[in-house]
N, C-alpha and C. Protein backbone atom coordinates (compact mmCIF):
# COMPACT_ATOMS: atom_id res chain seq x y z
N MET A 1 -20.46 -2.00 26.51
CA MET A 1 -20.28 -1.81 25.08
C MET A 1 -20.60 -0.37 24.68
N ARG A 2 -21.67 0.19 25.28
CA ARG A 2 -22.07 1.55 24.94
C ARG A 2 -20.96 2.54 25.34
N ILE A 3 -20.31 2.33 26.48
CA ILE A 3 -19.23 3.21 26.93
C ILE A 3 -18.06 3.12 25.98
N VAL A 4 -17.70 1.92 25.54
CA VAL A 4 -16.60 1.74 24.60
C VAL A 4 -16.88 2.46 23.30
N SER A 5 -18.10 2.34 22.77
CA SER A 5 -18.45 3.02 21.53
C SER A 5 -18.35 4.53 21.68
N ARG A 6 -18.84 5.05 22.80
CA ARG A 6 -18.75 6.50 23.02
C ARG A 6 -17.31 6.93 23.16
N ALA A 7 -16.49 6.14 23.87
CA ALA A 7 -15.08 6.49 24.04
C ALA A 7 -14.38 6.49 22.69
N ALA A 8 -14.67 5.52 21.85
CA ALA A 8 -14.06 5.47 20.52
C ALA A 8 -14.48 6.69 19.71
N GLY A 9 -15.73 7.11 19.83
CA GLY A 9 -16.19 8.30 19.13
C GLY A 9 -15.49 9.55 19.61
N VAL A 10 -15.27 9.67 20.90
CA VAL A 10 -14.57 10.83 21.46
C VAL A 10 -13.12 10.83 20.98
N VAL A 11 -12.46 9.66 21.00
CA VAL A 11 -11.08 9.57 20.54
C VAL A 11 -10.99 9.96 19.06
N THR A 12 -11.92 9.49 18.24
CA THR A 12 -11.93 9.84 16.82
C THR A 12 -12.13 11.34 16.65
N LEU A 13 -13.05 11.92 17.39
CA LEU A 13 -13.30 13.35 17.30
C LEU A 13 -12.06 14.14 17.68
N LEU A 14 -11.39 13.75 18.78
CA LEU A 14 -10.17 14.44 19.20
C LEU A 14 -9.08 14.31 18.14
N ALA A 15 -8.95 13.14 17.55
CA ALA A 15 -7.96 12.94 16.50
C ALA A 15 -8.26 13.85 15.31
N LEU A 16 -9.52 13.94 14.94
CA LEU A 16 -9.88 14.79 13.80
C LEU A 16 -9.61 16.26 14.10
N LEU A 17 -9.89 16.67 15.31
CA LEU A 17 -9.62 18.06 15.67
C LEU A 17 -8.14 18.36 15.56
N SER A 18 -7.30 17.42 15.99
CA SER A 18 -5.86 17.64 15.89
C SER A 18 -5.40 17.59 14.44
N PHE A 19 -6.09 16.78 13.58
CA PHE A 19 -5.73 16.71 12.17
C PHE A 19 -6.00 18.03 11.46
N SER A 20 -7.09 18.69 11.83
CA SER A 20 -7.52 19.84 11.06
C SER A 20 -7.10 21.18 11.67
N ALA A 21 -6.33 21.14 12.74
CA ALA A 21 -5.90 22.39 13.38
C ALA A 21 -4.97 23.17 12.45
N VAL A 22 -5.13 24.49 12.43
CA VAL A 22 -4.26 25.36 11.66
C VAL A 22 -3.51 26.23 12.65
N SER A 23 -2.20 26.28 12.55
CA SER A 23 -1.43 27.07 13.50
C SER A 23 -1.57 28.55 13.18
N THR A 24 -1.63 29.36 14.21
CA THR A 24 -1.72 30.79 13.99
C THR A 24 -0.39 31.31 13.46
N ALA A 25 0.70 30.65 13.79
CA ALA A 25 2.00 31.05 13.25
C ALA A 25 2.00 30.89 11.74
N GLY A 26 1.45 29.79 11.26
CA GLY A 26 1.39 29.56 9.82
C GLY A 26 0.51 30.59 9.15
N ALA A 27 -0.58 30.96 9.79
CA ALA A 27 -1.48 31.96 9.22
C ALA A 27 -0.81 33.32 9.20
N ALA A 28 -0.02 33.61 10.23
CA ALA A 28 0.67 34.89 10.30
C ALA A 28 1.71 35.03 9.19
N GLN A 29 2.23 33.91 8.69
CA GLN A 29 3.23 33.96 7.64
C GLN A 29 2.62 34.23 6.27
N GLN A 30 1.31 34.12 6.13
CA GLN A 30 0.67 34.43 4.86
C GLN A 30 0.82 35.91 4.57
N SER A 31 1.00 36.26 3.30
CA SER A 31 1.11 37.67 2.98
C SER A 31 -0.24 38.34 3.20
N ILE A 32 -0.19 39.61 3.51
CA ILE A 32 -1.42 40.35 3.78
C ILE A 32 -2.28 40.35 2.52
N GLY A 33 -3.53 40.07 2.69
CA GLY A 33 -4.46 40.07 1.58
C GLY A 33 -4.63 38.70 0.93
N SER A 34 -3.74 37.73 1.21
CA SER A 34 -3.94 36.41 0.61
C SER A 34 -4.76 35.56 1.57
N PRO A 35 -5.72 34.85 1.05
CA PRO A 35 -6.62 34.07 1.92
C PRO A 35 -5.90 32.84 2.50
N VAL A 36 -6.26 32.49 3.71
CA VAL A 36 -5.78 31.27 4.33
C VAL A 36 -6.82 30.20 4.02
N THR A 37 -6.41 29.17 3.29
CA THR A 37 -7.37 28.13 2.93
C THR A 37 -7.21 26.94 3.84
N THR A 38 -8.29 26.58 4.47
CA THR A 38 -8.32 25.41 5.35
C THR A 38 -9.50 24.53 4.98
N SER A 39 -9.87 24.58 3.73
CA SER A 39 -11.04 23.86 3.28
C SER A 39 -10.76 22.36 3.19
N THR A 40 -11.39 21.61 4.06
CA THR A 40 -11.21 20.16 4.06
C THR A 40 -12.57 19.47 4.14
N GLN A 41 -12.56 18.20 3.78
CA GLN A 41 -13.76 17.37 3.89
C GLN A 41 -13.46 16.26 4.89
N ARG A 42 -14.40 16.01 5.76
CA ARG A 42 -14.34 14.86 6.66
C ARG A 42 -15.32 13.83 6.12
N LEU A 43 -14.80 12.63 5.84
CA LEU A 43 -15.63 11.60 5.24
C LEU A 43 -15.54 10.31 6.03
N ASP A 44 -16.65 9.57 6.05
CA ASP A 44 -16.62 8.23 6.62
C ASP A 44 -15.74 7.35 5.75
N ALA A 45 -15.01 6.47 6.39
CA ALA A 45 -14.10 5.57 5.67
C ALA A 45 -14.42 4.13 6.03
N ALA A 46 -14.26 3.25 5.06
CA ALA A 46 -14.45 1.82 5.30
C ALA A 46 -13.69 1.04 4.23
N GLY A 47 -13.27 -0.14 4.59
CA GLY A 47 -12.57 -0.98 3.63
C GLY A 47 -11.95 -2.19 4.30
N ALA A 48 -10.96 -2.74 3.62
CA ALA A 48 -10.29 -3.94 4.11
C ALA A 48 -8.78 -3.79 3.91
N TYR A 49 -8.04 -4.64 4.58
CA TYR A 49 -6.60 -4.67 4.39
C TYR A 49 -6.12 -6.11 4.54
N VAL A 50 -5.03 -6.40 3.86
CA VAL A 50 -4.39 -7.72 3.92
C VAL A 50 -3.00 -7.51 4.50
N ALA A 51 -2.63 -8.35 5.45
CA ALA A 51 -1.31 -8.26 6.09
C ALA A 51 -0.39 -9.33 5.52
N ALA A 52 0.83 -8.93 5.21
CA ALA A 52 1.88 -9.87 4.82
C ALA A 52 3.02 -9.68 5.81
N VAL A 53 3.43 -10.76 6.45
CA VAL A 53 4.52 -10.73 7.42
C VAL A 53 5.72 -11.42 6.79
N PHE A 54 6.86 -10.75 6.76
CA PHE A 54 8.07 -11.31 6.17
C PHE A 54 8.89 -11.99 7.27
N PHE A 55 8.52 -13.24 7.57
CA PHE A 55 9.11 -13.96 8.69
C PHE A 55 10.62 -14.15 8.56
N ASP A 56 11.16 -14.07 7.35
CA ASP A 56 12.61 -14.21 7.19
C ASP A 56 13.36 -13.02 7.79
N THR A 57 12.65 -11.94 8.14
CA THR A 57 13.29 -10.77 8.77
C THR A 57 13.10 -10.76 10.29
N LEU A 58 12.45 -11.77 10.84
CA LEU A 58 12.09 -11.81 12.26
C LEU A 58 13.33 -11.82 13.16
N ARG A 59 13.31 -10.90 14.13
CA ARG A 59 14.32 -10.88 15.20
C ARG A 59 13.55 -10.96 16.53
N THR A 60 14.04 -11.78 17.45
CA THR A 60 13.37 -11.93 18.74
C THR A 60 14.38 -11.74 19.86
N ARG A 61 13.84 -11.41 21.02
CA ARG A 61 14.66 -11.38 22.24
C ARG A 61 13.74 -11.58 23.43
N ASP A 62 14.23 -12.37 24.39
CA ASP A 62 13.47 -12.58 25.62
C ASP A 62 13.48 -11.31 26.45
N VAL A 63 12.33 -11.01 27.02
CA VAL A 63 12.18 -9.88 27.93
C VAL A 63 11.74 -10.50 29.25
N GLY A 64 12.67 -10.63 30.17
CA GLY A 64 12.39 -11.38 31.39
C GLY A 64 12.24 -12.85 31.03
N SER A 65 11.54 -13.58 31.86
CA SER A 65 11.40 -15.02 31.60
C SER A 65 10.06 -15.38 30.96
N GLN A 66 9.13 -14.43 30.87
CA GLN A 66 7.79 -14.76 30.39
C GLN A 66 7.30 -13.92 29.21
N LYS A 67 8.19 -13.14 28.60
CA LYS A 67 7.76 -12.31 27.47
C LYS A 67 8.83 -12.36 26.37
N CYS A 68 8.36 -12.09 25.16
CA CYS A 68 9.24 -12.11 23.99
C CYS A 68 8.95 -10.88 23.13
N GLU A 69 10.01 -10.22 22.71
CA GLU A 69 9.85 -9.09 21.78
C GLU A 69 10.14 -9.58 20.37
N PHE A 70 9.18 -9.34 19.46
CA PHE A 70 9.32 -9.64 18.04
C PHE A 70 9.55 -8.33 17.30
N VAL A 71 10.45 -8.32 16.35
CA VAL A 71 10.60 -7.21 15.42
C VAL A 71 10.64 -7.84 14.04
N VAL A 72 9.71 -7.44 13.16
CA VAL A 72 9.60 -8.08 11.85
C VAL A 72 9.11 -7.07 10.81
N GLN A 73 9.56 -7.23 9.60
CA GLN A 73 9.12 -6.39 8.49
C GLN A 73 7.79 -6.92 7.95
N GLY A 74 6.99 -6.03 7.39
CA GLY A 74 5.72 -6.47 6.83
C GLY A 74 5.12 -5.45 5.89
N GLN A 75 3.95 -5.80 5.39
CA GLN A 75 3.26 -4.96 4.42
C GLN A 75 1.75 -5.07 4.66
N LEU A 76 1.08 -3.93 4.59
CA LEU A 76 -0.38 -3.87 4.67
C LEU A 76 -0.89 -3.34 3.34
N THR A 77 -1.80 -4.07 2.70
CA THR A 77 -2.37 -3.66 1.42
C THR A 77 -3.84 -3.31 1.66
N PHE A 78 -4.19 -2.05 1.37
CA PHE A 78 -5.52 -1.52 1.66
C PHE A 78 -6.40 -1.43 0.42
N THR A 79 -7.70 -1.72 0.61
CA THR A 79 -8.73 -1.48 -0.39
C THR A 79 -9.85 -0.73 0.30
N GLY A 80 -10.69 -0.08 -0.49
CA GLY A 80 -11.78 0.70 0.08
C GLY A 80 -11.43 2.18 0.01
N THR A 81 -11.72 2.92 1.07
CA THR A 81 -11.42 4.35 1.09
C THR A 81 -9.93 4.58 0.92
N LEU A 82 -9.11 3.79 1.60
CA LEU A 82 -7.67 3.80 1.38
C LEU A 82 -7.36 2.74 0.33
N GLN A 83 -6.61 3.12 -0.68
CA GLN A 83 -6.18 2.20 -1.73
C GLN A 83 -4.66 2.33 -1.81
N GLY A 84 -3.95 1.28 -1.44
CA GLY A 84 -2.50 1.37 -1.53
C GLY A 84 -1.82 0.41 -0.58
N VAL A 85 -0.52 0.65 -0.40
CA VAL A 85 0.32 -0.26 0.36
C VAL A 85 1.12 0.53 1.39
N ALA A 86 1.23 -0.05 2.59
CA ALA A 86 2.12 0.48 3.63
C ALA A 86 3.15 -0.60 3.94
N GLU A 87 4.42 -0.22 3.86
CA GLU A 87 5.50 -1.14 4.22
C GLU A 87 6.19 -0.59 5.44
N GLY A 88 6.56 -1.50 6.37
CA GLY A 88 7.19 -1.03 7.58
C GLY A 88 7.60 -2.14 8.51
N THR A 89 7.77 -1.76 9.77
CA THR A 89 8.27 -2.66 10.81
C THR A 89 7.25 -2.78 11.92
N THR A 90 7.03 -4.02 12.35
CA THR A 90 6.16 -4.28 13.50
C THR A 90 7.03 -4.71 14.67
N THR A 91 6.76 -4.12 15.82
CA THR A 91 7.37 -4.53 17.08
C THR A 91 6.23 -5.02 17.96
N ALA A 92 6.38 -6.22 18.51
CA ALA A 92 5.33 -6.80 19.35
C ALA A 92 5.95 -7.35 20.62
N LEU A 93 5.26 -7.16 21.73
CA LEU A 93 5.64 -7.76 23.00
C LEU A 93 4.63 -8.87 23.26
N ILE A 94 5.10 -10.11 23.16
CA ILE A 94 4.24 -11.29 23.28
C ILE A 94 4.35 -11.84 24.69
N HIS A 95 3.24 -12.20 25.28
CA HIS A 95 3.18 -12.70 26.65
C HIS A 95 3.46 -14.20 26.69
N ALA A 96 4.69 -14.55 26.29
CA ALA A 96 5.17 -15.94 26.33
C ALA A 96 6.68 -15.90 26.11
N PRO A 97 7.40 -16.88 26.62
CA PRO A 97 8.84 -16.95 26.34
C PRO A 97 9.06 -17.13 24.83
N CYS A 98 10.19 -16.64 24.30
CA CYS A 98 10.46 -16.72 22.86
C CYS A 98 10.43 -18.16 22.34
N ALA A 99 10.88 -19.11 23.15
CA ALA A 99 10.87 -20.51 22.70
C ALA A 99 9.45 -20.96 22.34
N GLU A 100 8.45 -20.51 23.11
CA GLU A 100 7.05 -20.86 22.80
C GLU A 100 6.46 -19.95 21.73
N ALA A 101 6.78 -18.66 21.80
CA ALA A 101 6.20 -17.69 20.87
C ALA A 101 6.68 -17.91 19.43
N THR A 102 7.88 -18.45 19.23
CA THR A 102 8.40 -18.65 17.87
C THR A 102 8.00 -19.99 17.26
N ASP A 103 7.34 -20.84 18.01
CA ASP A 103 6.86 -22.11 17.48
C ASP A 103 5.70 -21.83 16.52
N PRO A 104 5.83 -22.17 15.23
CA PRO A 104 4.76 -21.87 14.26
C PRO A 104 3.38 -22.40 14.66
N ARG A 105 3.34 -23.46 15.43
CA ARG A 105 2.04 -24.00 15.88
C ARG A 105 1.36 -23.07 16.87
N ASN A 106 2.10 -22.11 17.43
CA ASN A 106 1.55 -21.20 18.44
C ASN A 106 1.21 -19.82 17.89
N LEU A 107 1.25 -19.63 16.57
CA LEU A 107 0.94 -18.33 15.99
C LEU A 107 -0.45 -17.87 16.46
N GLY A 108 -0.50 -16.76 17.16
CA GLY A 108 -1.76 -16.22 17.65
C GLY A 108 -2.26 -16.83 18.95
N ALA A 109 -1.45 -17.70 19.56
CA ALA A 109 -1.91 -18.38 20.79
C ALA A 109 -1.79 -17.50 22.02
N PHE A 110 -0.95 -16.45 21.96
CA PHE A 110 -0.68 -15.65 23.15
C PHE A 110 -1.10 -14.19 22.92
N ARG A 111 -1.42 -13.53 24.02
CA ARG A 111 -1.74 -12.11 23.97
C ARG A 111 -0.47 -11.34 23.62
N ASP A 112 -0.63 -10.28 22.82
CA ASP A 112 0.50 -9.40 22.56
C ASP A 112 0.02 -7.98 22.35
N VAL A 113 0.95 -7.06 22.50
CA VAL A 113 0.74 -5.65 22.22
C VAL A 113 1.70 -5.32 21.09
N PHE A 114 1.20 -4.67 20.03
CA PHE A 114 2.05 -4.44 18.86
C PHE A 114 1.90 -3.04 18.31
N ARG A 115 2.90 -2.67 17.50
CA ARG A 115 2.87 -1.39 16.79
C ARG A 115 3.60 -1.57 15.46
N PHE A 116 2.91 -1.25 14.36
CA PHE A 116 3.48 -1.22 13.02
C PHE A 116 3.73 0.24 12.69
N GLU A 117 4.94 0.56 12.20
CA GLU A 117 5.27 1.91 11.74
C GLU A 117 5.76 1.78 10.31
N GLY A 118 5.12 2.49 9.39
CA GLY A 118 5.53 2.38 8.00
C GLY A 118 5.14 3.58 7.18
N THR A 119 5.34 3.44 5.88
CA THR A 119 5.02 4.50 4.92
C THR A 119 3.94 3.98 3.98
N PHE A 120 2.86 4.75 3.87
CA PHE A 120 1.74 4.43 2.99
C PHE A 120 1.93 5.16 1.67
N ALA A 121 1.68 4.47 0.57
CA ALA A 121 1.67 5.09 -0.76
C ALA A 121 0.42 4.59 -1.48
N GLY A 122 -0.40 5.53 -1.94
CA GLY A 122 -1.64 5.16 -2.63
C GLY A 122 -2.56 6.34 -2.73
N THR A 123 -3.86 6.09 -2.51
CA THR A 123 -4.85 7.16 -2.53
C THR A 123 -5.76 7.05 -1.31
N VAL A 124 -6.31 8.18 -0.93
CA VAL A 124 -7.33 8.25 0.11
C VAL A 124 -8.53 8.95 -0.52
N GLU A 125 -9.61 8.20 -0.71
CA GLU A 125 -10.82 8.71 -1.39
C GLU A 125 -10.43 9.37 -2.71
N GLY A 126 -9.50 8.72 -3.44
CA GLY A 126 -9.08 9.18 -4.76
C GLY A 126 -7.98 10.22 -4.77
N VAL A 127 -7.58 10.75 -3.60
CA VAL A 127 -6.52 11.76 -3.52
C VAL A 127 -5.18 11.05 -3.37
N PRO A 128 -4.23 11.28 -4.30
CA PRO A 128 -2.91 10.66 -4.18
C PRO A 128 -2.26 11.04 -2.84
N THR A 129 -1.74 10.03 -2.15
CA THR A 129 -1.24 10.24 -0.79
C THR A 129 -0.01 9.38 -0.53
N THR A 130 0.99 10.00 0.08
CA THR A 130 2.15 9.29 0.62
C THR A 130 2.37 9.86 2.01
N GLY A 131 2.46 8.98 3.02
CA GLY A 131 2.64 9.50 4.37
C GLY A 131 2.90 8.40 5.37
N ASP A 132 3.06 8.82 6.61
CA ASP A 132 3.34 7.91 7.72
C ASP A 132 2.06 7.19 8.14
N LEU A 133 2.17 5.87 8.32
CA LEU A 133 1.03 5.08 8.76
C LEU A 133 1.45 4.27 9.98
N SER A 134 0.62 4.31 11.02
CA SER A 134 0.84 3.46 12.19
C SER A 134 -0.39 2.58 12.39
N TYR A 135 -0.14 1.39 12.89
CA TYR A 135 -1.18 0.40 13.14
C TYR A 135 -0.80 -0.22 14.48
N ALA A 136 -1.59 0.03 15.51
CA ALA A 136 -1.20 -0.40 16.85
C ALA A 136 -2.40 -0.95 17.60
N GLY A 137 -2.14 -1.97 18.43
CA GLY A 137 -3.22 -2.53 19.19
C GLY A 137 -2.82 -3.75 19.98
N VAL A 138 -3.81 -4.60 20.23
CA VAL A 138 -3.65 -5.79 21.06
C VAL A 138 -4.16 -6.99 20.28
N THR A 139 -3.39 -8.09 20.34
CA THR A 139 -3.84 -9.36 19.79
C THR A 139 -4.25 -10.24 20.96
N ARG A 140 -5.47 -10.75 20.92
CA ARG A 140 -5.95 -11.63 21.98
C ARG A 140 -5.57 -13.08 21.66
N PRO A 141 -5.49 -13.94 22.68
CA PRO A 141 -5.26 -15.36 22.40
C PRO A 141 -6.31 -15.86 21.40
N GLY A 142 -5.85 -16.54 20.39
CA GLY A 142 -6.72 -16.96 19.29
C GLY A 142 -6.47 -16.14 18.04
N GLY A 143 -5.80 -14.99 18.17
CA GLY A 143 -5.38 -14.19 17.02
C GLY A 143 -6.25 -13.02 16.65
N ALA A 144 -7.39 -12.77 17.34
CA ALA A 144 -8.23 -11.61 17.02
C ALA A 144 -7.53 -10.33 17.48
N ILE A 145 -7.63 -9.27 16.66
CA ILE A 145 -6.92 -8.02 16.90
C ILE A 145 -7.91 -6.88 17.13
N ASP A 146 -7.61 -6.04 18.13
CA ASP A 146 -8.29 -4.75 18.34
C ASP A 146 -7.21 -3.69 18.15
N ALA A 147 -7.39 -2.81 17.16
CA ALA A 147 -6.32 -1.86 16.87
C ALA A 147 -6.85 -0.59 16.22
N THR A 148 -5.98 0.41 16.14
CA THR A 148 -6.25 1.64 15.43
C THR A 148 -5.21 1.81 14.33
N ILE A 149 -5.63 2.44 13.27
CA ILE A 149 -4.75 2.74 12.14
C ILE A 149 -4.80 4.26 11.96
N LYS A 150 -3.63 4.89 11.90
CA LYS A 150 -3.56 6.34 11.71
C LYS A 150 -2.65 6.63 10.53
N LEU A 151 -3.13 7.50 9.66
CA LEU A 151 -2.36 7.95 8.51
C LEU A 151 -2.21 9.45 8.59
N ARG A 152 -0.98 9.91 8.39
CA ARG A 152 -0.71 11.35 8.38
C ARG A 152 0.13 11.68 7.16
N SER A 153 -0.39 12.59 6.35
CA SER A 153 0.36 13.08 5.19
C SER A 153 -0.07 14.51 4.94
N ASP A 154 0.59 15.16 4.00
CA ASP A 154 0.20 16.52 3.65
C ASP A 154 -1.14 16.57 2.92
N SER A 155 -1.48 15.48 2.22
CA SER A 155 -2.70 15.50 1.40
C SER A 155 -3.90 14.81 2.03
N ALA A 156 -3.70 14.00 3.07
CA ALA A 156 -4.83 13.30 3.69
C ALA A 156 -4.44 12.79 5.07
N LYS A 157 -5.45 12.64 5.89
CA LYS A 157 -5.27 12.07 7.23
C LYS A 157 -6.39 11.08 7.46
N ALA A 158 -6.11 10.07 8.29
CA ALA A 158 -7.13 9.07 8.59
C ALA A 158 -7.00 8.60 10.02
N ALA A 159 -8.14 8.39 10.67
CA ALA A 159 -8.21 7.77 12.00
C ALA A 159 -9.20 6.62 11.85
N LEU A 160 -8.66 5.39 11.88
CA LEU A 160 -9.46 4.21 11.60
C LEU A 160 -9.39 3.22 12.75
N HIS A 161 -10.38 2.38 12.86
CA HIS A 161 -10.42 1.32 13.85
C HIS A 161 -10.68 0.00 13.14
N THR A 162 -10.06 -1.06 13.63
CA THR A 162 -10.34 -2.36 13.04
C THR A 162 -11.74 -2.79 13.45
N VAL A 163 -12.45 -3.38 12.51
CA VAL A 163 -13.77 -3.95 12.79
C VAL A 163 -13.61 -5.44 13.00
N THR A 164 -12.95 -6.06 12.04
CA THR A 164 -12.53 -7.45 12.19
C THR A 164 -11.06 -7.48 11.81
N ALA A 165 -10.26 -8.24 12.50
CA ALA A 165 -8.84 -8.36 12.16
C ALA A 165 -8.31 -9.64 12.77
N GLN A 166 -7.42 -10.28 12.03
CA GLN A 166 -6.83 -11.54 12.46
C GLN A 166 -5.33 -11.48 12.25
N LEU A 167 -4.58 -11.95 13.23
CA LEU A 167 -3.12 -11.94 13.19
C LEU A 167 -2.59 -12.59 11.92
N GLY A 168 -1.71 -11.87 11.22
CA GLY A 168 -1.07 -12.38 10.03
C GLY A 168 -1.97 -12.49 8.81
N VAL A 169 -3.21 -12.02 8.91
CA VAL A 169 -4.17 -12.14 7.80
C VAL A 169 -4.60 -10.76 7.33
N GLY A 170 -5.14 -9.95 8.23
CA GLY A 170 -5.69 -8.64 7.91
C GLY A 170 -7.10 -8.55 8.45
N GLY A 171 -7.90 -7.68 7.83
CA GLY A 171 -9.26 -7.52 8.32
C GLY A 171 -9.96 -6.36 7.65
N THR A 172 -10.90 -5.79 8.35
CA THR A 172 -11.66 -4.65 7.85
C THR A 172 -11.47 -3.47 8.79
N TYR A 173 -11.75 -2.27 8.26
CA TYR A 173 -11.60 -1.05 9.04
C TYR A 173 -12.75 -0.11 8.76
N ARG A 174 -12.94 0.83 9.68
CA ARG A 174 -13.84 1.95 9.44
C ARG A 174 -13.40 3.10 10.33
N GLY A 175 -13.77 4.29 9.92
CA GLY A 175 -13.37 5.47 10.66
C GLY A 175 -13.66 6.73 9.85
N VAL A 176 -12.73 7.68 9.94
CA VAL A 176 -12.91 8.97 9.31
C VAL A 176 -11.61 9.36 8.60
N VAL A 177 -11.75 9.98 7.42
CA VAL A 177 -10.61 10.57 6.71
C VAL A 177 -10.86 12.05 6.53
N VAL A 178 -9.77 12.79 6.45
CA VAL A 178 -9.82 14.23 6.20
C VAL A 178 -8.98 14.47 4.96
N ILE A 179 -9.62 15.05 3.93
CA ILE A 179 -8.94 15.34 2.67
C ILE A 179 -9.25 16.77 2.25
N PRO A 180 -8.43 17.34 1.35
CA PRO A 180 -8.76 18.69 0.84
C PRO A 180 -10.10 18.68 0.13
N SER A 181 -10.84 19.77 0.22
CA SER A 181 -12.12 19.89 -0.50
C SER A 181 -11.82 19.87 -1.99
N ARG A 182 -12.74 19.25 -2.71
CA ARG A 182 -12.57 19.19 -4.18
C ARG A 182 -13.40 20.23 -4.85
């Protein structure tokens, strides 16, 4: 457990470093005498999110004889440090044939690897933000999720990890956000 926590901390630190990097090419384009502003705040983030899956958009296909690919539209509604909605598409590779994976009684019964790609609109620590949001991870049999959430926009960035999460329900998150200094 201690190794996992340290690894998560290193991954978060690396993500933050990549979020706050300023290109020297961009700095070179500034006119002489004008200051280059890179003033940002790194803040702890925490909150919750609710997942809505639009099953009427579900498309499936068998991958070999023992796996099923799901593609479905959905929505994540955030509260806490992130306030807003992300709409997008989830692609999941479920470790079961589609005939079993699509049975409603089996929701969350099989391991899967998933990725949600969408657009977030709302605020991050009060800063209006619209940007790309990804939510990717693993669902264990029983429906518990281990995942990361990343937000990238011109006005804010976030690297978050799920604390508690359940398939088709949502959960809680914590991590770090980077916003312009106020």
